């Protein structure tokens, strides 16, 4: 394949960003690595078609979101932990306030977390999220509302607890 070099260049350029995206989706560095690897395998199979017709990174992120949804549909149980991704990265470590927000995000049910990540991290519309997750637009809005409400309650509770501890 003559496009293998383009695919290799894409992977070299975007693998770290895709791994971070997988981590945001899954909340676990090992699951993030698995999501990224499987998505890149599937991208490679469709590389010629994807490269010509659409954005390869967006296609890969959609694959990752769908794989993540499929995984939690099979498992139906969450085992989340606040472990930073293994290896060095260039991003700044989260402040205490940001760490609390990330932890609160990880404590959300998977569907709510996926909707919030796609809406606010990926900046997708409700229609796009509905297509990625294969759920109705109403369900997208419901999960977003419930997730934001739970985040607000959790953050407010932590802020109050930290304020009274001082």
C-alpha atoms as a PDB file:
ATOM      1  CA  UNK A   1       0.000   0.000   0.000  1.00  0.00           C
ATOM      2  CA  UNK A   2       1.383   3.355  -0.967  1.00  0.00           C
ATOM      3  CA  UNK A   3      -0.720   5.154   1.670  1.00  0.00           C
ATOM      4  CA  UNK A   4       0.882   3.243   4.549  1.00  0.00           C
ATOM      5  CA  UNK A   5       3.351   6.090   4.986  1.00  0.00           C
ATOM      6  CA  UNK A   6       0.477   8.591   5.271  1.00  0.00           C
ATOM      7  CA  UNK A   7      -1.222   6.367   7.809  1.00  0.00           C
ATOM      8  CA  UNK A   8       2.049   6.040   9.765  1.00  0.00           C
ATOM      9  CA  UNK A   9       2.441   9.839   9.688  1.00  0.00           C
ATOM     10  CA  UNK A  10      -1.125  10.273  10.946  1.00  0.00           C
ATOM     11  CA  UNK A  11      -0.515   7.836  13.808  1.00  0.00           C
ATOM     12  CA  UNK A  12       2.776   9.505  14.724  1.00  0.00           C
ATOM     13  CA  UNK A  13       1.134  12.952  14.744  1.00  0.00           C
ATOM     14  CA  UNK A  14      -2.173  12.148  16.455  1.00  0.00           C
ATOM     15  CA  UNK A  15      -1.682   9.042  18.633  1.00  0.00           C
ATOM     16  CA  UNK A  16      -1.020  11.010  21.833  1.00  0.00           C
ATOM     17  CA  UNK A  17      -4.119  13.168  21.339  1.00  0.00           C
ATOM     18  CA  UNK A  18      -6.207  10.068  20.629  1.00  0.00           C
ATOM     19  CA  UNK A  19      -4.821   8.377  23.737  1.00  0.00           C
ATOM     20  CA  UNK A  20      -5.774  11.410  25.852  1.00  0.00           C
ATOM     21  CA  UNK A  21      -9.250  11.318  24.299  1.00  0.00           C
ATOM     22  CA  UNK A  22      -9.518   7.635  25.174  1.00  0.00           C
ATOM     23  CA  UNK A  23      -8.488   8.439  28.728  1.00  0.00           C
ATOM     24  CA  UNK A  24     -11.150  11.142  28.998  1.00  0.00           C
ATOM     25  CA  UNK A  25     -13.751   8.668  27.734  1.00  0.00           C
ATOM     26  CA  UNK A  26     -12.741   5.695  29.833  1.00  0.00           C
ATOM     27  CA  UNK A  27     -11.111   7.189  32.923  1.00  0.00           C
ATOM     28  CA  UNK A  28      -8.525   4.423  32.836  1.00  0.00           C
ATOM     29  CA  UNK A  29      -5.137   4.476  31.070  1.00  0.00           C
ATOM     30  CA  UNK A  30      -5.311   0.798  30.144  1.00  0.00           C
ATOM     31  CA  UNK A  31      -8.780   1.060  28.621  1.00  0.00           C
ATOM     32  CA  UNK A  32      -7.658   4.244  26.855  1.00  0.00           C
ATOM     33  CA  UNK A  33      -4.739   2.390  25.277  1.00  0.00           C
ATOM     34  CA  UNK A  34      -7.033  -0.454  24.209  1.00  0.00           C
ATOM     35  CA  UNK A  35      -9.563   1.965  22.706  1.00  0.00           C
ATOM     36  CA  UNK A  36      -6.849   3.813  20.821  1.00  0.00           C
ATOM     37  CA  UNK A  37      -5.242   0.646  19.503  1.00  0.00           C
ATOM     38  CA  UNK A  38      -8.499  -0.925  18.336  1.00  0.00           C
ATOM     39  CA  UNK A  39      -9.647   2.344  16.741  1.00  0.00           C
ATOM     40  CA  UNK A  40      -6.362   2.694  14.839  1.00  0.00           C
ATOM     41  CA  UNK A  41      -6.638  -0.898  13.624  1.00  0.00           C
ATOM     42  CA  UNK A  42     -10.113  -0.179  12.297  1.00  0.00           C
ATOM     43  CA  UNK A  43      -8.959   3.102  10.781  1.00  0.00           C
ATOM     44  CA  UNK A  44      -6.153   1.304   8.965  1.00  0.00           C
ATOM     45  CA  UNK A  45      -8.660  -1.106   7.394  1.00  0.00           C
ATOM     46  CA  UNK A  46     -10.696   1.846   6.075  1.00  0.00           C
ATOM     47  CA  UNK A  47      -7.776   4.227   5.490  1.00  0.00           C
ATOM     48  CA  UNK A  48      -8.179   4.735   1.723  1.00  0.00           C
ATOM     49  CA  UNK A  49     -11.881   5.516   1.997  1.00  0.00           C
ATOM     50  CA  UNK A  50     -11.588   7.681   5.125  1.00  0.00           C
ATOM     51  CA  UNK A  51      -8.606   9.690   3.921  1.00  0.00           C
ATOM     52  CA  UNK A  52     -10.387  10.647   0.696  1.00  0.00           C
ATOM     53  CA  UNK A  53     -13.866  11.338   2.030  1.00  0.00           C
ATOM     54  CA  UNK A  54     -13.551  12.602   5.595  1.00  0.00           C
ATOM     55  CA  UNK A  55     -11.320  13.637   8.462  1.00  0.00           C
ATOM     56  CA  UNK A  56      -9.376  10.588   9.746  1.00  0.00           C
ATOM     57  CA  UNK A  57      -9.084  11.911  13.297  1.00  0.00           C
ATOM     58  CA  UNK A  58     -12.794  12.581  13.609  1.00  0.00           C
ATOM     59  CA  UNK A  59     -13.521   9.123  12.181  1.00  0.00           C
ATOM     60  CA  UNK A  60     -11.153   7.588  14.742  1.00  0.00           C
ATOM     61  CA  UNK A  61     -12.755   9.480  17.623  1.00  0.00           C
ATOM     62  CA  UNK A  62     -16.196   8.264  16.555  1.00  0.00           C
ATOM     63  CA  UNK A  63     -14.859   4.701  16.482  1.00  0.00           C
ATOM     64  CA  UNK A  64     -13.399   5.176  19.975  1.00  0.00           C
ATOM     65  CA  UNK A  65     -16.675   6.544  21.357  1.00  0.00           C
ATOM     66  CA  UNK A  66     -18.616   3.645  19.855  1.00  0.00           C
ATOM     67  CA  UNK A  67     -16.134   1.074  21.139  1.00  0.00           C
ATOM     68  CA  UNK A  68     -16.353   2.625  24.588  1.00  0.00           C
ATOM     69  CA  UNK A  69     -20.157   2.487  24.520  1.00  0.00           C
ATOM     70  CA  UNK A  70     -20.031  -1.142  23.358  1.00  0.00           C
ATOM     71  CA  UNK A  71     -17.676  -2.042  26.195  1.00  0.00           C
ATOM     72  CA  UNK A  72     -19.906  -0.631  28.904  1.00  0.00           C
ATOM     73  CA  UNK A  73     -22.964  -2.179  27.352  1.00  0.00           C
ATOM     74  CA  UNK A  74     -21.261  -5.545  27.723  1.00  0.00           C
ATOM     75  CA  UNK A  75     -19.865  -5.002  31.204  1.00  0.00           C
ATOM     76  CA  UNK A  76     -22.576  -2.865  32.804  1.00  0.00           C
ATOM     77  CA  UNK A  77     -20.228  -2.233  35.706  1.00  0.00           C
ATOM     78  CA  UNK A  78     -17.721   0.515  36.291  1.00  0.00           C
ATOM     79  CA  UNK A  79     -14.346   0.312  37.948  1.00  0.00           C
ATOM     80  CA  UNK A  80     -13.006   3.836  37.844  1.00  0.00           C
ATOM     81  CA  UNK A  81      -9.867   5.154  39.417  1.00  0.00           C
ATOM     82  CA  UNK A  82      -8.008   8.428  39.402  1.00  0.00           C
ATOM     83  CA  UNK A  83      -4.716   7.205  37.992  1.00  0.00           C
ATOM     84  CA  UNK A  84      -2.859   9.503  35.622  1.00  0.00           C
ATOM     85  CA  UNK A  85      -1.929   8.032  32.249  1.00  0.00           C
ATOM     86  CA  UNK A  86       1.333   6.144  32.256  1.00  0.00           C
ATOM     87  CA  UNK A  87       4.340   7.781  30.637  1.00  0.00           C
ATOM     88  CA  UNK A  88       5.318  11.363  30.104  1.00  0.00           C
ATOM     89  CA  UNK A  89       2.985  13.911  28.620  1.00  0.00           C
ATOM     90  CA  UNK A  90       3.221  17.586  27.825  1.00  0.00           C
ATOM     91  CA  UNK A  91      -0.063  18.654  29.422  1.00  0.00           C
ATOM     92  CA  UNK A  92       0.067  20.489  32.714  1.00  0.00           C
ATOM     93  CA  UNK A  93      -1.150  18.509  35.700  1.00  0.00           C
ATOM     94  CA  UNK A  94      -4.613  19.527  36.867  1.00  0.00           C
ATOM     95  CA  UNK A  95      -4.931  21.934  39.753  1.00  0.00           C
ATOM     96  CA  UNK A  96      -6.759  20.796  42.884  1.00  0.00           C
ATOM     97  CA  UNK A  97      -9.968  22.370  41.576  1.00  0.00           C
ATOM     98  CA  UNK A  98      -9.573  20.741  38.156  1.00  0.00           C
ATOM     99  CA  UNK A  99      -8.710  17.390  39.730  1.00  0.00           C
ATOM    100  CA  UNK A 100     -11.948  17.560  41.695  1.00  0.00           C
ATOM    101  CA  UNK A 101     -13.848  18.260  38.485  1.00  0.00           C
ATOM    102  CA  UNK A 102     -12.174  15.351  36.662  1.00  0.00           C
ATOM    103  CA  UNK A 103     -12.895  13.039  39.593  1.00  0.00           C
ATOM    104  CA  UNK A 104     -16.524  14.152  39.628  1.00  0.00           C
ATOM    105  CA  UNK A 105     -16.685  13.511  35.873  1.00  0.00           C
ATOM    106  CA  UNK A 106     -15.268  10.007  36.345  1.00  0.00           C
ATOM    107  CA  UNK A 107     -17.857   9.318  39.048  1.00  0.00           C
ATOM    108  CA  UNK A 108     -20.695   9.870  36.569  1.00  0.00           C
ATOM    109  CA  UNK A 109     -22.372   6.903  34.906  1.00  0.00           C
ATOM    110  CA  UNK A 110     -20.686   6.062  31.589  1.00  0.00           C
ATOM    111  CA  UNK A 111     -23.504   7.290  29.353  1.00  0.00           C
ATOM    112  CA  UNK A 112     -23.655  10.662  31.072  1.00  0.00           C
ATOM    113  CA  UNK A 113     -19.865  10.993  30.992  1.00  0.00           C
ATOM    114  CA  UNK A 114     -19.733  10.060  27.296  1.00  0.00           C
ATOM    115  CA  UNK A 115     -22.392  12.654  26.428  1.00  0.00           C
ATOM    116  CA  UNK A 116     -20.614  15.388  28.410  1.00  0.00           C
ATOM    117  CA  UNK A 117     -17.219  14.542  26.906  1.00  0.00           C
ATOM    118  CA  UNK A 118     -18.634  14.584  23.381  1.00  0.00           C
ATOM    119  CA  UNK A 119     -20.548  17.815  23.996  1.00  0.00           C
ATOM    120  CA  UNK A 120     -17.954  19.874  25.870  1.00  0.00           C
ATOM    121  CA  UNK A 121     -14.613  18.258  24.988  1.00  0.00           C
ATOM    122  CA  UNK A 122     -15.386  17.378  21.370  1.00  0.00           C
ATOM    123  CA  UNK A 123     -17.916  20.224  20.948  1.00  0.00           C
ATOM    124  CA  UNK A 124     -20.400  18.051  19.071  1.00  0.00           C
ATOM    125  CA  UNK A 125     -24.046  18.989  18.634  1.00  0.00           C
ATOM    126  CA  UNK A 126     -26.842  16.890  20.109  1.00  0.00           C
ATOM    127  CA  UNK A 127     -27.548  15.457  16.655  1.00  0.00           C
ATOM    128  CA  UNK A 128     -23.904  14.461  16.206  1.00  0.00           C
ATOM    129  CA  UNK A 129     -23.743  12.909  19.683  1.00  0.00           C
ATOM    130  CA  UNK A 130     -26.958  11.050  18.934  1.00  0.00           C
ATOM    131  CA  UNK A 131     -25.342   9.609  15.807  1.00  0.00           C
ATOM    132  CA  UNK A 132     -22.093   8.678  17.528  1.00  0.00           C
ATOM    133  CA  UNK A 133     -23.707   6.980  20.517  1.00  0.00           C
ATOM    134  CA  UNK A 134     -26.706   5.668  18.574  1.00  0.00           C
ATOM    135  CA  UNK A 135     -29.214   7.089  21.014  1.00  0.00           C
ATOM    136  CA  UNK A 136     -32.049   9.576  20.506  1.00  0.00           C
ATOM    137  CA  UNK A 137     -31.512  13.340  20.770  1.00  0.00           C
ATOM    138  CA  UNK A 138     -33.847  13.407  23.758  1.00  0.00           C
ATOM    139  CA  UNK A 139     -31.702  10.820  25.507  1.00  0.00           C
ATOM    140  CA  UNK A 140     -28.612  12.933  24.737  1.00  0.00           C
ATOM    141  CA  UNK A 141     -30.242  15.997  26.315  1.00  0.00           C
ATOM    142  CA  UNK A 142     -31.448  13.940  29.286  1.00  0.00           C
ATOM    143  CA  UNK A 143     -27.994  12.470  29.961  1.00  0.00           C
ATOM    144  CA  UNK A 144     -26.398  15.909  29.577  1.00  0.00           C
ATOM    145  CA  UNK A 145     -28.867  17.472  32.011  1.00  0.00           C
ATOM    146  CA  UNK A 146     -28.532  14.685  34.573  1.00  0.00           C
ATOM    147  CA  UNK A 147     -24.742  14.644  34.262  1.00  0.00           C
ATOM    148  CA  UNK A 148     -24.377  18.416  34.656  1.00  0.00           C
ATOM    149  CA  UNK A 149     -26.747  18.405  37.613  1.00  0.00           C
ATOM    150  CA  UNK A 150     -24.753  15.658  39.324  1.00  0.00           C
ATOM    151  CA  UNK A 151     -21.473  17.471  38.567  1.00  0.00           C
ATOM    152  CA  UNK A 152     -22.820  20.714  40.057  1.00  0.00           C
ATOM    153  CA  UNK A 153     -24.025  18.918  43.182  1.00  0.00           C
ATOM    154  CA  UNK A 154     -20.743  17.038  43.607  1.00  0.00           C
ATOM    155  CA  UNK A 155     -18.564  20.125  43.070  1.00  0.00           C
ATOM    156  CA  UNK A 156     -20.731  22.251  45.387  1.00  0.00           C
ATOM    157  CA  UNK A 157     -20.534  19.546  48.066  1.00  0.00           C
ATOM    158  CA  UNK A 158     -16.754  19.331  47.776  1.00  0.00           C
ATOM    159  CA  UNK A 159     -16.394  23.118  47.830  1.00  0.00           C
ATOM    160  CA  UNK A 160     -18.570  23.340  50.946  1.00  0.00           C
ATOM    161  CA  UNK A 161     -16.629  20.516  52.602  1.00  0.00           C
ATOM    162  CA  UNK A 162     -13.299  22.170  51.791  1.00  0.00           C
ATOM    163  CA  UNK A 163     -14.590  25.542  53.004  1.00  0.00           C
ATOM    164  CA  UNK A 164     -15.772  24.141  56.341  1.00  0.00           C
ATOM    165  CA  UNK A 165     -12.513  22.231  56.835  1.00  0.00           C
ATOM    166  CA  UNK A 166     -10.502  25.434  56.819  1.00  0.00           C
END
